[in-house]
Amino acid sequence: MLELTVLDGRGRPVPGFSVAVAPWELAEKALAPAGDVRKKAVASRTDDLGVARLNLGEGGTYRVAGGPGLWLDDAPLTVT
């Protein structure tokens, strides 16, 4: 289980924000999380505390996306 917390510029939680993680091997060179990358992604929305919980099973290496189509970070995220 991966938990992501989304905060605004003032450090307040952002409820209802869409986040997703896509397998790194598909997402590494993708300009945006769309098409096949989006189909293979695990997505969720943040709760009232700004936390999104993503069940990634056995884990792996992922790239994190947010909103309708932007990468939140260019670095790989490894989940064990």
C-alpha atoms as a PDB file:
ATOM      1  CA  MET A   1       0.000   0.000   0.000  1.00  0.00           C
ATOM      2  CA  LEU A   2       1.388   3.368  -1.021  1.00  0.00           C
ATOM      3  CA  GLU A   3       0.011   6.475   0.678  1.00  0.00           C
ATOM      4  CA  LEU A   4       0.521   9.862  -0.982  1.00  0.00           C
ATOM      5  CA  THR A   5      -0.330  13.130   0.730  1.00  0.00           C
ATOM      6  CA  VAL A   6      -1.174  16.129  -1.449  1.00  0.00           C
ATOM      7  CA  LEU A   7      -0.766  19.579   0.102  1.00  0.00           C
ATOM      8  CA  ASP A   8      -1.325  23.026  -1.364  1.00  0.00           C
ATOM      9  CA  GLY A   9       1.233  25.839  -1.299  1.00  0.00           C
ATOM     10  CA  ARG A  10       0.309  26.674   2.294  1.00  0.00           C
ATOM     11  CA  GLY A  11       0.688  23.106   3.523  1.00  0.00           C
ATOM     12  CA  ARG A  12      -3.051  22.387   3.691  1.00  0.00           C
ATOM     13  CA  PRO A  13      -4.492  19.047   2.515  1.00  0.00           C
ATOM     14  CA  VAL A  14      -6.105  18.957  -0.924  1.00  0.00           C
ATOM     15  CA  PRO A  15      -9.220  16.729  -0.894  1.00  0.00           C
ATOM     16  CA  GLY A  16     -10.485  15.141  -4.121  1.00  0.00           C
ATOM     17  CA  PHE A  17      -7.199  15.476  -6.052  1.00  0.00           C
ATOM     18  CA  SER A  18      -6.576  12.710  -8.572  1.00  0.00           C
ATOM     19  CA  VAL A  19      -3.224  10.909  -8.310  1.00  0.00           C
ATOM     20  CA  ALA A  20      -1.871   7.873 -10.137  1.00  0.00           C
ATOM     21  CA  VAL A  21       1.272   5.784 -10.334  1.00  0.00           C
ATOM     22  CA  ALA A  22       2.346   4.200 -13.609  1.00  0.00           C
ATOM     23  CA  PRO A  23       4.938   1.457 -14.089  1.00  0.00           C
ATOM     24  CA  TRP A  24       8.323   3.095 -14.650  1.00  0.00           C
ATOM     25  CA  GLU A  25       9.166   1.043 -17.744  1.00  0.00           C
ATOM     26  CA  LEU A  26       6.130   2.542 -19.522  1.00  0.00           C
ATOM     27  CA  ALA A  27       6.213   6.003 -17.947  1.00  0.00           C
ATOM     28  CA  GLU A  28       9.932   6.831 -17.978  1.00  0.00           C
ATOM     29  CA  LYS A  29       9.949   8.506 -21.404  1.00  0.00           C
ATOM     30  CA  ALA A  30       6.263   9.450 -21.651  1.00  0.00           C
ATOM     31  CA  LEU A  31       5.618  13.183 -21.988  1.00  0.00           C
ATOM     32  CA  ALA A  32       2.286  12.853 -20.171  1.00  0.00           C
ATOM     33  CA  PRO A  33       0.399  10.088 -18.346  1.00  0.00           C
ATOM     34  CA  ALA A  34      -1.882   9.221 -21.249  1.00  0.00           C
ATOM     35  CA  GLY A  35      -2.737   6.317 -23.559  1.00  0.00           C
ATOM     36  CA  ASP A  36      -1.181   2.964 -22.636  1.00  0.00           C
ATOM     37  CA  VAL A  37       0.571   4.524 -19.637  1.00  0.00           C
ATOM     38  CA  ARG A  38      -2.769   5.640 -18.202  1.00  0.00           C
ATOM     39  CA  LYS A  39      -4.344   2.225 -18.825  1.00  0.00           C
ATOM     40  CA  LYS A  40      -1.620   0.487 -16.771  1.00  0.00           C
ATOM     41  CA  ALA A  41      -1.659   3.064 -13.944  1.00  0.00           C
ATOM     42  CA  VAL A  42      -3.189   2.630 -10.504  1.00  0.00           C
ATOM     43  CA  ALA A  43      -5.255   5.702  -9.629  1.00  0.00           C
ATOM     44  CA  SER A  44      -7.118   7.155  -6.661  1.00  0.00           C
ATOM     45  CA  ARG A  45      -8.397  10.448  -5.259  1.00  0.00           C
ATOM     46  CA  THR A  46      -7.314  12.076  -2.047  1.00  0.00           C
ATOM     47  CA  ASP A  47      -9.610  11.929   0.981  1.00  0.00           C
ATOM     48  CA  ASP A  48     -10.538  14.854   3.259  1.00  0.00           C
ATOM     49  CA  LEU A  49      -7.025  14.755   4.770  1.00  0.00           C
ATOM     50  CA  GLY A  50      -5.356  14.937   1.342  1.00  0.00           C
ATOM     51  CA  VAL A  51      -4.255  11.282   1.455  1.00  0.00           C
ATOM     52  CA  ALA A  52      -4.585   8.865  -1.474  1.00  0.00           C
ATOM     53  CA  ARG A  53      -4.060   5.144  -0.876  1.00  0.00           C
ATOM     54  CA  LEU A  54      -2.901   2.995  -3.785  1.00  0.00           C
ATOM     55  CA  ASN A  55      -2.758  -0.795  -3.571  1.00  0.00           C
ATOM     56  CA  LEU A  56       0.311  -1.777  -5.589  1.00  0.00           C
ATOM     57  CA  GLY A  57       0.329  -5.465  -4.723  1.00  0.00           C
ATOM     58  CA  GLU A  58       3.918  -6.698  -4.790  1.00  0.00           C
ATOM     59  CA  GLY A  59       5.312  -3.224  -5.467  1.00  0.00           C
ATOM     60  CA  GLY A  60       7.725  -2.160  -8.188  1.00  0.00           C
ATOM     61  CA  THR A  61       9.098   1.049  -9.633  1.00  0.00           C
ATOM     62  CA  TYR A  62       6.644   3.774 -10.621  1.00  0.00           C
ATOM     63  CA  ARG A  63       6.280   7.368 -11.799  1.00  0.00           C
ATOM     64  CA  VAL A  64       3.772   9.575  -9.982  1.00  0.00           C
ATOM     65  CA  ALA A  65       1.150  11.617 -11.841  1.00  0.00           C
ATOM     66  CA  GLY A  66      -1.451  14.087 -10.636  1.00  0.00           C
ATOM     67  CA  GLY A  67      -4.410  15.992 -11.926  1.00  0.00           C
ATOM     68  CA  PRO A  68      -5.703  15.235 -15.387  1.00  0.00           C
ATOM     69  CA  GLY A  69      -2.362  14.710 -17.081  1.00  0.00           C
ATOM     70  CA  LEU A  70       0.880  15.870 -15.532  1.00  0.00           C
ATOM     71  CA  TRP A  71       3.836  14.164 -13.928  1.00  0.00           C
ATOM     72  CA  LEU A  72       4.465  15.240 -10.347  1.00  0.00           C
ATOM     73  CA  ASP A  73       8.074  14.075 -10.369  1.00  0.00           C
ATOM     74  CA  ASP A  74      10.568  12.838 -12.964  1.00  0.00           C
ATOM     75  CA  ALA A  75      12.328  10.501 -10.516  1.00  0.00           C
ATOM     76  CA  PRO A  76      11.374   6.842 -10.162  1.00  0.00           C
ATOM     77  CA  LEU A  77       9.604   5.785  -6.969  1.00  0.00           C
ATOM     78  CA  THR A  78      10.403   2.255  -5.780  1.00  0.00           C
ATOM     79  CA  VAL A  79       7.795   0.533  -3.599  1.00  0.00           C
ATOM     80  CA  THR A  80       8.738  -2.684  -1.815  1.00  0.00           C
END
